[in-house]
Amino acid sequence: MSWIKKEWTAQEADRWTKEDYLTFIISPLVYVLVALGVAFSLLLLWYGWVILGVSIVLLVIMIKIIDPKLKAISEDYEIKQKKYLEDLEKIARWEE
């Protein structure tokens, strides 16, 4: 999957890209396939297990696509949150 970008800055990750659109398509497909797979598997139909397997594979692919973007945004948020808490602490102690 070399056409999927794995390194993101927070500013790049905040914009919609082809990875987001791909995940946008895969996500509901996974939910529907999981529901069908579980229903058919509970009825002990062989194709229920196949559908469930396909949905798990799609779920793993979706996570591998979107996780780097989420990590980049999360790291940026943690940095901003730490600075905000430090500023809040200074205000609470009446420091400049």
C-alpha atoms as a PDB file:
ATOM      1  CA  MET A   1       0.000   0.000   0.000  1.00  0.00           C
ATOM      2  CA  SER A   2       2.626   2.515  -1.007  1.00  0.00           C
ATOM      3  CA  TRP A   3      -0.084   4.854  -2.308  1.00  0.00           C
ATOM      4  CA  ILE A   4      -1.305   5.270   1.274  1.00  0.00           C
ATOM      5  CA  LYS A   5       0.614   7.978   3.142  1.00  0.00           C
ATOM      6  CA  LYS A   6       1.957   6.868   6.520  1.00  0.00           C
ATOM      7  CA  GLU A   7       3.757   9.974   7.836  1.00  0.00           C
ATOM      8  CA  TRP A   8       1.606  12.998   8.678  1.00  0.00           C
ATOM      9  CA  THR A   9       2.019  16.366  10.281  1.00  0.00           C
ATOM     10  CA  ALA A  10      -0.888  17.646  12.327  1.00  0.00           C
ATOM     11  CA  GLN A  11      -1.773  20.275   9.713  1.00  0.00           C
ATOM     12  CA  GLU A  12      -1.744  17.723   6.877  1.00  0.00           C
ATOM     13  CA  ALA A  13      -3.744  15.207   8.901  1.00  0.00           C
ATOM     14  CA  ASP A  14      -6.423  17.778   9.658  1.00  0.00           C
ATOM     15  CA  ARG A  15      -7.379  18.059   5.969  1.00  0.00           C
ATOM     16  CA  TRP A  16      -9.517  15.553   4.082  1.00  0.00           C
ATOM     17  CA  THR A  17      -7.448  13.388   1.748  1.00  0.00           C
ATOM     18  CA  LYS A  18      -7.931  10.263  -0.312  1.00  0.00           C
ATOM     19  CA  GLU A  19      -7.226   8.191   2.809  1.00  0.00           C
ATOM     20  CA  ASP A  20     -10.222   9.752   4.546  1.00  0.00           C
ATOM     21  CA  TYR A  21     -12.487   9.123   1.576  1.00  0.00           C
ATOM     22  CA  LEU A  22     -11.317   5.516   1.345  1.00  0.00           C
ATOM     23  CA  THR A  23     -12.006   5.017   5.042  1.00  0.00           C
ATOM     24  CA  PHE A  24     -15.353   6.771   4.582  1.00  0.00           C
ATOM     25  CA  ILE A  25     -16.310   4.067   2.076  1.00  0.00           C
ATOM     26  CA  ILE A  26     -14.846   1.085   3.955  1.00  0.00           C
ATOM     27  CA  SER A  27     -16.339   1.949   7.361  1.00  0.00           C
ATOM     28  CA  PRO A  28     -20.061   1.430   6.622  1.00  0.00           C
ATOM     29  CA  LEU A  29     -19.178  -1.593   4.515  1.00  0.00           C
ATOM     30  CA  VAL A  30     -17.451  -3.145   7.530  1.00  0.00           C
ATOM     31  CA  TYR A  31     -20.462  -2.483   9.774  1.00  0.00           C
ATOM     32  CA  VAL A  32     -22.891  -4.045   7.318  1.00  0.00           C
ATOM     33  CA  LEU A  33     -20.664  -7.051   6.688  1.00  0.00           C
ATOM     34  CA  VAL A  34     -20.139  -7.640  10.413  1.00  0.00           C
ATOM     35  CA  ALA A  35     -23.890  -7.564  11.003  1.00  0.00           C
ATOM     36  CA  LEU A  36     -24.583  -9.948   8.135  1.00  0.00           C
ATOM     37  CA  GLY A  37     -21.653 -12.180   9.039  1.00  0.00           C
ATOM     38  CA  VAL A  38     -22.730 -12.510  12.658  1.00  0.00           C
ATOM     39  CA  ALA A  39     -26.352 -13.177  11.685  1.00  0.00           C
ATOM     40  CA  PHE A  40     -25.456 -15.850   9.144  1.00  0.00           C
ATOM     41  CA  SER A  41     -22.829 -17.370  11.436  1.00  0.00           C
ATOM     42  CA  LEU A  42     -25.385 -17.692  14.230  1.00  0.00           C
ATOM     43  CA  LEU A  43     -27.557 -19.567  11.749  1.00  0.00           C
ATOM     44  CA  LEU A  44     -24.518 -21.817  11.110  1.00  0.00           C
ATOM     45  CA  LEU A  45     -24.331 -20.940   7.432  1.00  0.00           C
ATOM     46  CA  TRP A  46     -20.831 -21.294   5.965  1.00  0.00           C
ATOM     47  CA  TYR A  47     -20.943 -18.039   4.032  1.00  0.00           C
ATOM     48  CA  GLY A  48     -21.589 -16.175   7.292  1.00  0.00           C
ATOM     49  CA  TRP A  49     -18.076 -17.098   8.393  1.00  0.00           C
ATOM     50  CA  VAL A  50     -16.676 -15.970   5.049  1.00  0.00           C
ATOM     51  CA  ILE A  51     -18.475 -12.619   5.287  1.00  0.00           C
ATOM     52  CA  LEU A  52     -17.242 -12.227   8.857  1.00  0.00           C
ATOM     53  CA  GLY A  53     -13.676 -12.954   7.725  1.00  0.00           C
ATOM     54  CA  VAL A  54     -13.914 -10.412   4.906  1.00  0.00           C
ATOM     55  CA  SER A  55     -15.246  -7.799   7.314  1.00  0.00           C
ATOM     56  CA  ILE A  56     -12.346  -8.398   9.707  1.00  0.00           C
ATOM     57  CA  VAL A  57      -9.835  -8.025   6.870  1.00  0.00           C
ATOM     58  CA  LEU A  58     -11.487  -4.770   5.774  1.00  0.00           C
ATOM     59  CA  LEU A  59     -11.472  -3.532   9.365  1.00  0.00           C
ATOM     60  CA  VAL A  60      -7.720  -4.155   9.658  1.00  0.00           C
ATOM     61  CA  ILE A  61      -7.119  -2.350   6.353  1.00  0.00           C
ATOM     62  CA  MET A  62      -9.234   0.595   7.496  1.00  0.00           C
ATOM     63  CA  ILE A  63      -7.324   0.862  10.765  1.00  0.00           C
ATOM     64  CA  LYS A  64      -3.962   0.746   8.966  1.00  0.00           C
ATOM     65  CA  ILE A  65      -5.105   3.544   6.645  1.00  0.00           C
ATOM     66  CA  ILE A  66      -6.513   5.988   9.202  1.00  0.00           C
ATOM     67  CA  ASP A  67      -4.408   5.295  12.310  1.00  0.00           C
ATOM     68  CA  PRO A  68      -1.342   7.364  11.254  1.00  0.00           C
ATOM     69  CA  LYS A  69      -3.558  10.425  10.728  1.00  0.00           C
ATOM     70  CA  LEU A  70      -5.248   9.945  14.085  1.00  0.00           C
ATOM     71  CA  LYS A  71      -1.904   9.588  15.853  1.00  0.00           C
ATOM     72  CA  ALA A  72      -0.572  12.796  14.286  1.00  0.00           C
ATOM     73  CA  ILE A  73      -3.645  14.771  15.339  1.00  0.00           C
ATOM     74  CA  SER A  74      -3.582  13.225  18.809  1.00  0.00           C
ATOM     75  CA  GLU A  75       0.080  14.089  19.379  1.00  0.00           C
ATOM     76  CA  ASP A  76      -0.548  17.690  18.339  1.00  0.00           C
ATOM     77  CA  TYR A  77      -3.550  17.886  20.662  1.00  0.00           C
ATOM     78  CA  GLU A  78      -1.500  16.529  23.578  1.00  0.00           C
ATOM     79  CA  ILE A  79       1.153  19.225  23.031  1.00  0.00           C
ATOM     80  CA  LYS A  80      -1.499  21.958  22.912  1.00  0.00           C
ATOM     81  CA  GLN A  81      -3.222  20.553  25.982  1.00  0.00           C
ATOM     82  CA  LYS A  82       0.034  20.489  27.953  1.00  0.00           C
ATOM     83  CA  LYS A  83       0.747  24.133  27.064  1.00  0.00           C
ATOM     84  CA  TYR A  84      -2.811  25.119  27.983  1.00  0.00           C
ATOM     85  CA  LEU A  85      -2.542  23.408  31.377  1.00  0.00           C
ATOM     86  CA  GLU A  86       0.781  25.124  32.058  1.00  0.00           C
ATOM     87  CA  ASP A  87      -0.755  28.500  31.181  1.00  0.00           C
ATOM     88  CA  LEU A  88      -3.768  27.740  33.354  1.00  0.00           C
ATOM     89  CA  GLU A  89      -1.483  26.843  36.252  1.00  0.00           C
ATOM     90  CA  LYS A  90       0.334  30.191  35.876  1.00  0.00           C
ATOM     91  CA  ILE A  91      -2.980  32.045  35.885  1.00  0.00           C
ATOM     92  CA  ALA A  92      -4.153  30.144  38.953  1.00  0.00           C
ATOM     93  CA  ARG A  93      -0.947  31.108  40.801  1.00  0.00           C
ATOM     94  CA  TRP A  94      -1.276  34.733  39.606  1.00  0.00           C
ATOM     95  CA  GLU A  95       1.955  34.591  37.666  1.00  0.00           C
ATOM     96  CA  GLU A  96       2.666  36.412  34.426  1.00  0.00           C
END
